Amino acid sequence: MDKPEVLRYKYSTHAFHVETFDGKTFVIENEAGNADRIRDLIAKGQVKSMHTDNPTLGQVFLKVTGKELV
């Protein structure tokens, strides 16, 4: 069995969730072709927050087993 952080990474979409100061939100796939878009948002000082998609262990369990934890 893998460590929790390994399982969470394995089942992540690796997408970037970006919120800008003007209230817009974006989900940007972690692909080389999107690097310019992310860099432009940062260079223009528009990024309020950004994080990658990391599922909870409960979400991983649901994806693997098809059942929710109770």
C-alpha atoms as a PDB file:
ATOM      1  CA  MET A   1       0.000   0.000   0.000  1.00  0.00           C
ATOM      2  CA  ASP A   2       1.249   3.458  -0.878  1.00  0.00           C
ATOM      3  CA  LYS A   3       1.702   6.370   1.488  1.00  0.00           C
ATOM      4  CA  PRO A   4      -1.239   8.808   1.659  1.00  0.00           C
ATOM      5  CA  GLU A   5       0.611  11.559  -0.223  1.00  0.00           C
ATOM      6  CA  VAL A   6       1.491   9.113  -3.022  1.00  0.00           C
ATOM      7  CA  LEU A   7      -2.147   8.039  -3.375  1.00  0.00           C
ATOM      8  CA  ARG A   8      -3.354  11.649  -3.402  1.00  0.00           C
ATOM      9  CA  TYR A   9      -0.829  12.531  -6.128  1.00  0.00           C
ATOM     10  CA  LYS A  10      -1.669   9.437  -8.168  1.00  0.00           C
ATOM     11  CA  TYR A  11      -5.371  10.323  -8.304  1.00  0.00           C
ATOM     12  CA  SER A  12      -4.934  14.078  -8.727  1.00  0.00           C
ATOM     13  CA  THR A  13      -5.802  15.813 -11.991  1.00  0.00           C
ATOM     14  CA  HIS A  14      -2.742  18.049 -11.392  1.00  0.00           C
ATOM     15  CA  ALA A  15      -4.763  21.041 -12.591  1.00  0.00           C
ATOM     16  CA  PHE A  16      -4.097  24.543 -11.275  1.00  0.00           C
ATOM     17  CA  HIS A  17      -6.989  26.314  -9.564  1.00  0.00           C
ATOM     18  CA  VAL A  18      -6.440  30.060  -9.912  1.00  0.00           C
ATOM     19  CA  GLU A  19      -8.398  32.912  -8.344  1.00  0.00           C
ATOM     20  CA  THR A  20      -7.739  36.460  -9.503  1.00  0.00           C
ATOM     21  CA  PHE A  21      -8.148  39.701  -7.586  1.00  0.00           C
ATOM     22  CA  ASP A  22     -11.181  40.611  -9.721  1.00  0.00           C
ATOM     23  CA  GLY A  23     -13.010  37.485  -8.520  1.00  0.00           C
ATOM     24  CA  LYS A  24     -12.561  35.264 -11.557  1.00  0.00           C
ATOM     25  CA  THR A  25     -11.628  31.603 -11.102  1.00  0.00           C
ATOM     26  CA  PHE A  26      -9.899  29.350 -13.587  1.00  0.00           C
ATOM     27  CA  VAL A  27      -9.006  25.690 -13.733  1.00  0.00           C
ATOM     28  CA  ILE A  28      -5.919  25.374 -15.915  1.00  0.00           C
ATOM     29  CA  GLU A  29      -4.660  21.948 -16.912  1.00  0.00           C
ATOM     30  CA  ASN A  30      -1.046  21.231 -15.995  1.00  0.00           C
ATOM     31  CA  GLU A  31       0.268  21.062 -19.549  1.00  0.00           C
ATOM     32  CA  ALA A  32       3.238  22.761 -21.186  1.00  0.00           C
ATOM     33  CA  GLY A  33       0.929  24.678 -23.537  1.00  0.00           C
ATOM     34  CA  ASN A  34      -0.657  26.455 -20.566  1.00  0.00           C
ATOM     35  CA  ALA A  35       2.595  27.768 -19.062  1.00  0.00           C
ATOM     36  CA  ASP A  36       2.303  31.108 -20.894  1.00  0.00           C
ATOM     37  CA  ARG A  37      -1.230  31.661 -19.560  1.00  0.00           C
ATOM     38  CA  ILE A  38      -0.138  31.055 -15.969  1.00  0.00           C
ATOM     39  CA  ARG A  39       3.002  33.177 -16.383  1.00  0.00           C
ATOM     40  CA  ASP A  40       0.957  36.065 -17.849  1.00  0.00           C
ATOM     41  CA  LEU A  41      -1.500  36.033 -14.937  1.00  0.00           C
ATOM     42  CA  ILE A  42       1.403  36.128 -12.465  1.00  0.00           C
ATOM     43  CA  ALA A  43       3.360  38.786 -14.391  1.00  0.00           C
ATOM     44  CA  LYS A  44       0.298  41.059 -14.457  1.00  0.00           C
ATOM     45  CA  GLY A  45      -0.133  40.661 -10.694  1.00  0.00           C
ATOM     46  CA  GLN A  46      -3.606  39.192 -11.118  1.00  0.00           C
ATOM     47  CA  VAL A  47      -3.213  36.006  -9.044  1.00  0.00           C
ATOM     48  CA  LYS A  48      -4.854  36.148  -5.625  1.00  0.00           C
ATOM     49  CA  SER A  49      -4.427  32.417  -4.980  1.00  0.00           C
ATOM     50  CA  MET A  50      -3.331  29.333  -6.853  1.00  0.00           C
ATOM     51  CA  HIS A  51      -3.141  25.689  -5.870  1.00  0.00           C
ATOM     52  CA  THR A  52      -3.034  22.301  -7.500  1.00  0.00           C
ATOM     53  CA  ASP A  53      -5.811  19.770  -7.365  1.00  0.00           C
ATOM     54  CA  ASN A  54      -5.099  17.317  -4.545  1.00  0.00           C
ATOM     55  CA  PRO A  55      -8.000  15.032  -3.643  1.00  0.00           C
ATOM     56  CA  THR A  56      -8.707  14.076  -0.063  1.00  0.00           C
ATOM     57  CA  LEU A  57      -8.144  10.479   0.987  1.00  0.00           C
ATOM     58  CA  GLY A  58     -11.932  10.123   1.113  1.00  0.00           C
ATOM     59  CA  GLN A  59     -12.147  11.166  -2.542  1.00  0.00           C
ATOM     60  CA  VAL A  60      -9.386   8.695  -3.439  1.00  0.00           C
ATOM     61  CA  PHE A  61     -11.245   5.919  -1.604  1.00  0.00           C
ATOM     62  CA  LEU A  62     -14.434   6.748  -3.501  1.00  0.00           C
ATOM     63  CA  LYS A  63     -12.613   6.698  -6.832  1.00  0.00           C
ATOM     64  CA  VAL A  64     -10.887   3.378  -6.119  1.00  0.00           C
ATOM     65  CA  THR A  65     -13.774   1.507  -4.466  1.00  0.00           C
ATOM     66  CA  GLY A  66     -16.858   3.309  -5.706  1.00  0.00           C
ATOM     67  CA  LYS A  67     -18.005   3.637  -2.096  1.00  0.00           C
ATOM     68  CA  GLU A  68     -17.948   6.605   0.274  1.00  0.00           C
ATOM     69  CA  LEU A  69     -16.370   6.477   3.700  1.00  0.00           C
ATOM     70  CA  VAL A  70     -18.957   6.709   6.444  1.00  0.00           C
END
